[in-house]
Amino acid sequence: MSLRVRFDPEYVGEQIGQLCFEENRNVQELDLYLAGAAYAVCLSLGKEKPWKQKDFVNIGLSIVRSGTKRFLDLTEKNILVNSVPQENDMKYMKNYVGK
């Protein structure tokens, strides 16, 4: 059976970044996952479409850039959400400062 598939390397990278964030992976692990995905995609393409080899660097970079960006965006958002004082924190601060 033969199957034609089109894929978006940026989407692949974003999904890896999302999963690494959700699994509380660190940046080193993210790098390994992204490099592995880039290698796997290029290896698969190399077997099926050897004439695409000139695009391998761009495909790999696209996966790594989009995955890293997604991971960092989620991490930044998480830090900002957790750094904003919550209602209970404000009550505690008012009681502490008032005494």
N, C-alpha and C. Protein backbone atom coordinates (compact mmCIF):
# COMPACT_ATOMS: atom_id res chain seq x y z
N MET A 1 0.84 -1.17 0.00
CA MET A 1 0.00 0.00 0.00
C MET A 1 0.89 1.24 0.00
N SER A 2 0.54 2.18 -0.80
CA SER A 2 1.29 3.43 -0.90
C SER A 2 0.42 4.57 -0.40
N LEU A 3 1.05 5.46 0.31
CA LEU A 3 0.31 6.57 0.90
C LEU A 3 1.12 7.85 0.72
N ARG A 4 0.48 8.87 0.22
CA ARG A 4 1.14 10.17 0.08
C ARG A 4 0.75 11.03 1.27
N VAL A 5 1.73 11.61 1.88
CA VAL A 5 1.49 12.42 3.07
C VAL A 5 2.18 13.76 2.91
N ARG A 6 1.47 14.80 3.27
CA ARG A 6 2.08 16.13 3.34
C ARG A 6 2.16 16.50 4.81
N PHE A 7 3.26 17.06 5.20
CA PHE A 7 3.40 17.45 6.59
C PHE A 7 3.96 18.85 6.69
N ASP A 8 3.68 19.47 7.80
CA ASP A 8 4.17 20.81 8.08
C ASP A 8 5.23 20.69 9.17
N PRO A 9 6.50 20.93 8.84
CA PRO A 9 7.55 20.78 9.85
C PRO A 9 7.35 21.70 11.05
N GLU A 10 6.76 22.87 10.83
CA GLU A 10 6.51 23.78 11.95
C GLU A 10 5.49 23.18 12.92
N TYR A 11 4.48 22.52 12.39
CA TYR A 11 3.47 21.88 13.23
C TYR A 11 4.10 20.75 14.05
N VAL A 12 4.97 19.98 13.42
CA VAL A 12 5.66 18.90 14.13
C VAL A 12 6.45 19.48 15.30
N GLY A 13 7.20 20.53 15.05
CA GLY A 13 7.98 21.17 16.11
C GLY A 13 7.11 21.73 17.22
N GLU A 14 6.01 22.38 16.84
CA GLU A 14 5.10 22.95 17.85
C GLU A 14 4.52 21.87 18.75
N GLN A 15 4.16 20.74 18.17
CA GLN A 15 3.59 19.65 18.95
C GLN A 15 4.62 19.07 19.92
N ILE A 16 5.85 18.96 19.49
CA ILE A 16 6.90 18.46 20.37
C ILE A 16 7.14 19.46 21.50
N GLY A 17 7.17 20.74 21.19
CA GLY A 17 7.32 21.76 22.23
C GLY A 17 6.19 21.72 23.23
N GLN A 18 4.97 21.55 22.75
CA GLN A 18 3.78 21.47 23.60
C GLN A 18 3.88 20.26 24.54
N LEU A 19 4.22 19.10 23.98
CA LEU A 19 4.31 17.88 24.78
C LEU A 19 5.42 17.97 25.82
N CYS A 20 6.56 18.51 25.43
CA CYS A 20 7.66 18.65 26.39
C CYS A 20 7.26 19.57 27.53
N PHE A 21 6.54 20.63 27.23
CA PHE A 21 6.08 21.54 28.28
C PHE A 21 5.10 20.82 29.20
N GLU A 22 4.13 20.12 28.62
CA GLU A 22 3.13 19.43 29.42
C GLU A 22 3.72 18.33 30.29
N GLU A 23 4.82 17.72 29.83
CA GLU A 23 5.48 16.66 30.58
C GLU A 23 6.58 17.20 31.50
N ASN A 24 6.66 18.52 31.64
CA ASN A 24 7.67 19.17 32.49
C ASN A 24 9.09 18.77 32.13
N ARG A 25 9.35 18.68 30.85
CA ARG A 25 10.71 18.37 30.38
C ARG A 25 11.56 19.64 30.46
N ASN A 26 12.87 19.45 30.53
CA ASN A 26 13.74 20.62 30.54
C ASN A 26 14.22 20.93 29.12
N VAL A 27 14.96 21.99 28.97
CA VAL A 27 15.38 22.45 27.64
C VAL A 27 16.30 21.44 26.97
N GLN A 28 17.14 20.77 27.74
CA GLN A 28 18.03 19.77 27.15
C GLN A 28 17.23 18.61 26.56
N GLU A 29 16.19 18.18 27.27
CA GLU A 29 15.35 17.11 26.75
C GLU A 29 14.59 17.58 25.51
N LEU A 30 14.11 18.81 25.55
CA LEU A 30 13.43 19.38 24.38
C LEU A 30 14.36 19.34 23.17
N ASP A 31 15.60 19.75 23.35
CA ASP A 31 16.57 19.74 22.25
C ASP A 31 16.74 18.33 21.67
N LEU A 32 16.81 17.33 22.55
CA LEU A 32 16.97 15.95 22.09
C LEU A 32 15.75 15.49 21.29
N TYR A 33 14.57 15.80 21.78
CA TYR A 33 13.35 15.41 21.07
C TYR A 33 13.26 16.10 19.71
N LEU A 34 13.56 17.38 19.67
CA LEU A 34 13.49 18.13 18.41
C LEU A 34 14.53 17.63 17.41
N ALA A 35 15.74 17.37 17.89
CA ALA A 35 16.79 16.85 17.01
C ALA A 35 16.40 15.47 16.48
N GLY A 36 15.83 14.64 17.35
CA GLY A 36 15.39 13.31 16.93
C GLY A 36 14.30 13.38 15.88
N ALA A 37 13.36 14.29 16.08
CA ALA A 37 12.27 14.44 15.11
C ALA A 37 12.81 14.93 13.77
N ALA A 38 13.70 15.90 13.81
CA ALA A 38 14.29 16.42 12.57
C ALA A 38 15.05 15.32 11.84
N TYR A 39 15.81 14.53 12.60
CA TYR A 39 16.57 13.43 12.00
C TYR A 39 15.63 12.40 11.39
N ALA A 40 14.58 12.03 12.13
CA ALA A 40 13.64 11.02 11.64
C ALA A 40 12.92 11.48 10.37
N VAL A 41 12.49 12.72 10.36
CA VAL A 41 11.79 13.25 9.18
C VAL A 41 12.73 13.27 7.98
N CYS A 42 13.94 13.74 8.18
CA CYS A 42 14.89 13.82 7.07
C CYS A 42 15.33 12.44 6.60
N LEU A 43 15.47 11.50 7.53
CA LEU A 43 15.83 10.13 7.16
C LEU A 43 14.72 9.51 6.32
N SER A 44 13.50 9.71 6.74
CA SER A 44 12.36 9.18 6.00
C SER A 44 12.26 9.82 4.61
N LEU A 45 12.43 11.13 4.56
CA LEU A 45 12.40 11.81 3.26
C LEU A 45 13.56 11.36 2.37
N GLY A 46 14.71 11.13 2.98
CA GLY A 46 15.88 10.72 2.21
C GLY A 46 15.68 9.39 1.51
N LYS A 47 14.92 8.51 2.15
CA LYS A 47 14.65 7.20 1.53
C LYS A 47 13.63 7.32 0.40
N GLU A 48 12.64 8.16 0.61
CA GLU A 48 11.56 8.29 -0.36
C GLU A 48 11.85 9.31 -1.46
N LYS A 49 12.52 10.39 -1.08
CA LYS A 49 12.77 11.49 -2.03
C LYS A 49 14.20 12.00 -1.89
N PRO A 50 15.17 11.25 -2.39
CA PRO A 50 16.57 11.66 -2.22
C PRO A 50 16.90 13.02 -2.84
N TRP A 51 16.14 13.44 -3.82
CA TRP A 51 16.39 14.74 -4.45
C TRP A 51 16.05 15.91 -3.53
N LYS A 52 15.39 15.64 -2.40
CA LYS A 52 15.03 16.69 -1.44
C LYS A 52 16.15 16.97 -0.43
N GLN A 53 17.29 16.32 -0.56
CA GLN A 53 18.35 16.46 0.43
C GLN A 53 18.79 17.90 0.64
N LYS A 54 18.71 18.71 -0.37
CA LYS A 54 19.12 20.12 -0.22
C LYS A 54 18.20 20.87 0.75
N ASP A 55 17.00 20.36 0.97
CA ASP A 55 16.04 21.01 1.87
C ASP A 55 16.12 20.50 3.31
N PHE A 56 16.94 19.49 3.57
CA PHE A 56 16.97 18.87 4.90
C PHE A 56 17.34 19.86 6.00
N VAL A 57 18.30 20.71 5.74
CA VAL A 57 18.72 21.67 6.76
C VAL A 57 17.57 22.61 7.10
N ASN A 58 16.89 23.10 6.09
CA ASN A 58 15.76 24.01 6.34
C ASN A 58 14.61 23.31 7.06
N ILE A 59 14.35 22.06 6.70
CA ILE A 59 13.30 21.29 7.37
C ILE A 59 13.65 21.11 8.85
N GLY A 60 14.88 20.70 9.12
CA GLY A 60 15.32 20.51 10.50
C GLY A 60 15.28 21.80 11.30
N LEU A 61 15.74 22.88 10.70
CA LEU A 61 15.71 24.17 11.40
C LEU A 61 14.28 24.62 11.68
N SER A 62 13.39 24.36 10.77
CA SER A 62 11.99 24.74 10.96
C SER A 62 11.39 23.98 12.14
N ILE A 63 11.68 22.70 12.24
CA ILE A 63 11.18 21.89 13.36
C ILE A 63 11.74 22.42 14.67
N VAL A 64 13.03 22.65 14.71
CA VAL A 64 13.68 23.10 15.95
C VAL A 64 13.21 24.49 16.35
N ARG A 65 13.14 25.41 15.42
CA ARG A 65 12.72 26.78 15.74
C ARG A 65 11.28 26.82 16.27
N SER A 66 10.38 26.17 15.57
CA SER A 66 8.98 26.23 15.99
C SER A 66 8.76 25.51 17.32
N GLY A 67 9.45 24.40 17.53
CA GLY A 67 9.32 23.68 18.80
C GLY A 67 9.88 24.46 19.97
N THR A 68 11.03 25.07 19.76
CA THR A 68 11.64 25.88 20.82
C THR A 68 10.78 27.09 21.13
N LYS A 69 10.27 27.74 20.10
CA LYS A 69 9.42 28.92 20.31
C LYS A 69 8.16 28.54 21.09
N ARG A 70 7.53 27.45 20.72
CA ARG A 70 6.31 27.02 21.41
C ARG A 70 6.60 26.72 22.87
N PHE A 71 7.68 25.99 23.13
CA PHE A 71 8.07 25.63 24.50
C PHE A 71 8.34 26.88 25.33
N LEU A 72 9.09 27.82 24.77
CA LEU A 72 9.42 29.04 25.50
C LEU A 72 8.20 29.93 25.72
N ASP A 73 7.31 30.00 24.73
CA ASP A 73 6.08 30.78 24.90
C ASP A 73 5.22 30.22 26.03
N LEU A 74 5.08 28.90 26.07
CA LEU A 74 4.29 28.28 27.13
C LEU A 74 4.94 28.45 28.50
N THR A 75 6.26 28.34 28.53
CA THR A 75 6.99 28.52 29.79
C THR A 75 6.85 29.95 30.29
N GLU A 76 6.99 30.91 29.39
CA GLU A 76 6.84 32.32 29.77
C GLU A 76 5.43 32.60 30.29
N LYS A 77 4.44 32.08 29.58
CA LYS A 77 3.05 32.28 30.00
C LYS A 77 2.82 31.67 31.38
N ASN A 78 3.36 30.50 31.62
CA ASN A 78 3.22 29.83 32.91
C ASN A 78 3.88 30.64 34.03
N ILE A 79 5.04 31.18 33.76
CA ILE A 79 5.74 31.99 34.77
C ILE A 79 4.94 33.25 35.07
N LEU A 80 4.41 33.89 34.04
CA LEU A 80 3.63 35.12 34.26
C LEU A 80 2.35 34.84 35.03
N VAL A 81 1.67 33.76 34.70
CA VAL A 81 0.43 33.41 35.40
C VAL A 81 0.72 33.12 36.87
N ASN A 82 1.80 32.41 37.12
CA ASN A 82 2.12 32.03 38.50
C ASN A 82 2.74 33.17 39.30
N SER A 83 3.18 34.22 38.64
CA SER A 83 3.80 35.33 39.37
C SER A 83 2.79 36.40 39.75
N VAL A 84 1.60 36.35 39.19
CA VAL A 84 0.56 37.32 39.52
C VAL A 84 -0.06 36.92 40.85
N PRO A 85 -0.12 37.83 41.82
CA PRO A 85 -0.70 37.48 43.12
C PRO A 85 -2.16 37.07 42.96
N GLN A 86 -2.51 35.99 43.60
CA GLN A 86 -3.88 35.51 43.58
C GLN A 86 -4.66 36.15 44.72
N GLU A 87 -5.95 35.92 44.76
CA GLU A 87 -6.81 36.55 45.77
C GLU A 87 -6.37 36.19 47.19
N ASN A 88 -6.05 34.93 47.43
CA ASN A 88 -5.61 34.52 48.76
C ASN A 88 -4.29 35.17 49.14
N ASP A 89 -3.41 35.32 48.17
CA ASP A 89 -2.13 35.98 48.42
C ASP A 89 -2.35 37.44 48.82
N MET A 90 -3.28 38.10 48.15
CA MET A 90 -3.56 39.51 48.45
C MET A 90 -4.13 39.65 49.87
N LYS A 91 -5.03 38.74 50.26
CA LYS A 91 -5.59 38.78 51.61
C LYS A 91 -4.48 38.59 52.64
N TYR A 92 -3.58 37.65 52.38
CA TYR A 92 -2.47 37.39 53.29
C TYR A 92 -1.58 38.62 53.40
N MET A 93 -1.29 39.24 52.27
CA MET A 93 -0.42 40.42 52.28
C MET A 93 -1.06 41.57 53.04
N LYS A 94 -2.37 41.76 52.88
CA LYS A 94 -3.06 42.83 53.60
C LYS A 94 -3.02 42.59 55.10
N ASN A 95 -3.24 41.35 55.51
CA ASN A 95 -3.21 41.02 56.93
C ASN A 95 -1.80 41.16 57.50
N TYR A 96 -0.81 40.74 56.72
CA TYR A 96 0.57 40.79 57.19
C TYR A 96 1.06 42.23 57.29
N VAL A 97 0.76 43.03 56.28
CA VAL A 97 1.21 44.43 56.26
C VAL A 97 0.45 45.24 57.30
N GLY A 98 -0.82 44.91 57.51
CA GLY A 98 -1.64 45.67 58.44
C GLY A 98 -1.23 45.49 59.90
N LYS A 99 -0.51 44.45 60.22
CA LYS A 99 -0.14 44.18 61.62
C LYS A 99 1.15 44.82 62.01
